[in-house]
């Protein structure tokens, strides 16, 4: 799954993706940027 990295300013594949649930019950995916190591986050099902 791809997400936007704010540090690299480009879309990249999420490294070490984990499924999380937001407070309102919506699904999301969280991981790290393989290039710079910054946290990446994407709302929605994988």
N, C-alpha and C. Protein backbone atom coordinates (compact mmCIF):
# COMPACT_ATOMS: atom_id res chain seq x y z
N UNK A 1 0.84 -1.18 0.00
CA UNK A 1 0.00 0.00 0.00
C UNK A 1 0.89 1.25 0.00
N UNK A 2 0.49 2.23 -0.76
CA UNK A 2 1.26 3.47 -0.85
C UNK A 2 0.65 4.55 0.03
N UNK A 3 1.51 5.42 0.52
CA UNK A 3 1.08 6.59 1.29
C UNK A 3 2.04 7.73 0.98
N UNK A 4 1.62 8.94 1.29
CA UNK A 4 2.44 10.12 1.03
C UNK A 4 3.38 10.36 2.20
N UNK A 5 4.68 10.49 1.90
CA UNK A 5 5.67 10.81 2.93
C UNK A 5 5.88 12.32 2.90
N UNK A 6 5.61 12.97 4.03
CA UNK A 6 5.73 14.43 4.09
C UNK A 6 7.18 14.90 4.09
N UNK A 7 8.08 14.07 4.58
CA UNK A 7 9.49 14.44 4.61
C UNK A 7 10.12 14.32 3.22
N UNK A 8 9.84 13.21 2.53
CA UNK A 8 10.38 13.00 1.16
C UNK A 8 9.56 13.75 0.11
N UNK A 9 8.34 14.12 0.46
CA UNK A 9 7.41 14.78 -0.46
C UNK A 9 7.12 13.95 -1.71
N UNK A 10 6.87 12.67 -1.50
CA UNK A 10 6.49 11.79 -2.60
C UNK A 10 5.73 10.58 -2.05
N UNK A 11 5.03 9.88 -2.95
CA UNK A 11 4.31 8.68 -2.55
C UNK A 11 5.29 7.52 -2.52
N UNK A 12 5.22 6.75 -1.45
CA UNK A 12 6.11 5.60 -1.30
C UNK A 12 5.33 4.43 -0.72
N UNK A 13 5.86 3.24 -0.91
CA UNK A 13 5.28 2.04 -0.33
C UNK A 13 5.49 2.08 1.18
N UNK A 14 4.48 1.72 1.95
CA UNK A 14 4.58 1.74 3.41
C UNK A 14 5.42 0.55 3.87
N UNK A 15 6.45 0.82 4.66
CA UNK A 15 7.28 -0.23 5.24
C UNK A 15 6.73 -0.64 6.59
N UNK A 16 6.74 -1.93 6.90
CA UNK A 16 6.25 -2.46 8.17
C UNK A 16 4.82 -2.01 8.45
N UNK A 17 3.87 -2.29 7.51
CA UNK A 17 2.50 -1.81 7.69
C UNK A 17 1.77 -2.53 8.82
N UNK A 18 0.96 -1.76 9.56
CA UNK A 18 0.15 -2.31 10.64
C UNK A 18 -1.25 -1.74 10.53
N UNK A 19 -2.25 -2.61 10.69
CA UNK A 19 -3.64 -2.18 10.66
C UNK A 19 -4.01 -1.60 12.01
N UNK A 20 -4.58 -0.41 12.02
CA UNK A 20 -5.02 0.24 13.25
C UNK A 20 -6.46 0.71 13.06
N UNK A 21 -7.14 0.99 14.16
CA UNK A 21 -8.50 1.52 14.12
C UNK A 21 -8.50 2.87 14.82
N UNK A 22 -9.09 3.86 14.16
CA UNK A 22 -9.18 5.19 14.72
C UNK A 22 -10.24 5.24 15.81
N UNK A 23 -10.27 6.32 16.57
CA UNK A 23 -11.24 6.48 17.65
C UNK A 23 -12.69 6.37 17.17
N UNK A 24 -12.94 6.85 15.95
CA UNK A 24 -14.31 6.81 15.43
C UNK A 24 -14.65 5.48 14.75
N UNK A 25 -13.73 4.50 14.81
CA UNK A 25 -14.00 3.17 14.27
C UNK A 25 -13.53 2.94 12.84
N UNK A 26 -13.00 3.96 12.19
CA UNK A 26 -12.54 3.79 10.80
C UNK A 26 -11.20 3.05 10.76
N UNK A 27 -11.00 2.19 9.76
CA UNK A 27 -9.72 1.49 9.64
C UNK A 27 -8.65 2.39 9.03
N UNK A 28 -7.39 2.11 9.38
CA UNK A 28 -6.26 2.87 8.84
C UNK A 28 -5.03 1.98 8.83
N UNK A 29 -4.01 2.40 8.10
CA UNK A 29 -2.75 1.68 8.03
C UNK A 29 -1.63 2.63 8.46
N UNK A 30 -0.74 2.13 9.31
CA UNK A 30 0.36 2.92 9.83
C UNK A 30 1.65 2.16 9.57
N UNK A 31 2.72 2.90 9.27
CA UNK A 31 4.01 2.27 9.02
C UNK A 31 5.11 3.31 8.96
N UNK A 32 6.23 2.95 8.34
CA UNK A 32 7.35 3.87 8.21
C UNK A 32 7.78 3.98 6.76
N UNK A 33 8.39 5.09 6.43
CA UNK A 33 8.93 5.31 5.09
C UNK A 33 10.23 4.52 4.96
N UNK A 34 10.37 3.68 3.93
CA UNK A 34 11.60 2.91 3.77
C UNK A 34 12.82 3.77 3.45
N UNK A 35 12.60 4.98 2.92
CA UNK A 35 13.69 5.86 2.52
C UNK A 35 14.25 6.64 3.71
N UNK A 36 13.36 7.32 4.48
CA UNK A 36 13.84 8.22 5.52
C UNK A 36 13.47 7.78 6.94
N UNK A 37 12.56 6.82 7.10
CA UNK A 37 12.20 6.32 8.41
C UNK A 37 11.12 7.11 9.12
N UNK A 38 10.50 8.08 8.44
CA UNK A 38 9.43 8.88 9.02
C UNK A 38 8.14 8.06 9.09
N UNK A 39 7.31 8.31 10.11
CA UNK A 39 6.03 7.62 10.22
C UNK A 39 5.14 8.00 9.04
N UNK A 40 4.43 7.00 8.51
CA UNK A 40 3.48 7.23 7.43
C UNK A 40 2.13 6.71 7.90
N UNK A 41 1.06 7.33 7.41
CA UNK A 41 -0.28 7.00 7.87
C UNK A 41 -1.25 7.15 6.72
N UNK A 42 -2.15 6.16 6.57
CA UNK A 42 -3.15 6.26 5.54
C UNK A 42 -4.49 5.76 6.07
N UNK A 43 -5.53 6.57 5.89
CA UNK A 43 -6.86 6.20 6.35
C UNK A 43 -7.53 5.38 5.25
N UNK A 44 -8.22 4.31 5.65
CA UNK A 44 -8.93 3.46 4.72
C UNK A 44 -8.44 2.04 4.79
N UNK A 45 -9.26 1.15 4.25
CA UNK A 45 -8.91 -0.26 4.26
C UNK A 45 -7.78 -0.57 3.29
N UNK A 46 -6.97 -1.54 3.65
CA UNK A 46 -5.82 -1.91 2.83
C UNK A 46 -6.22 -2.71 1.62
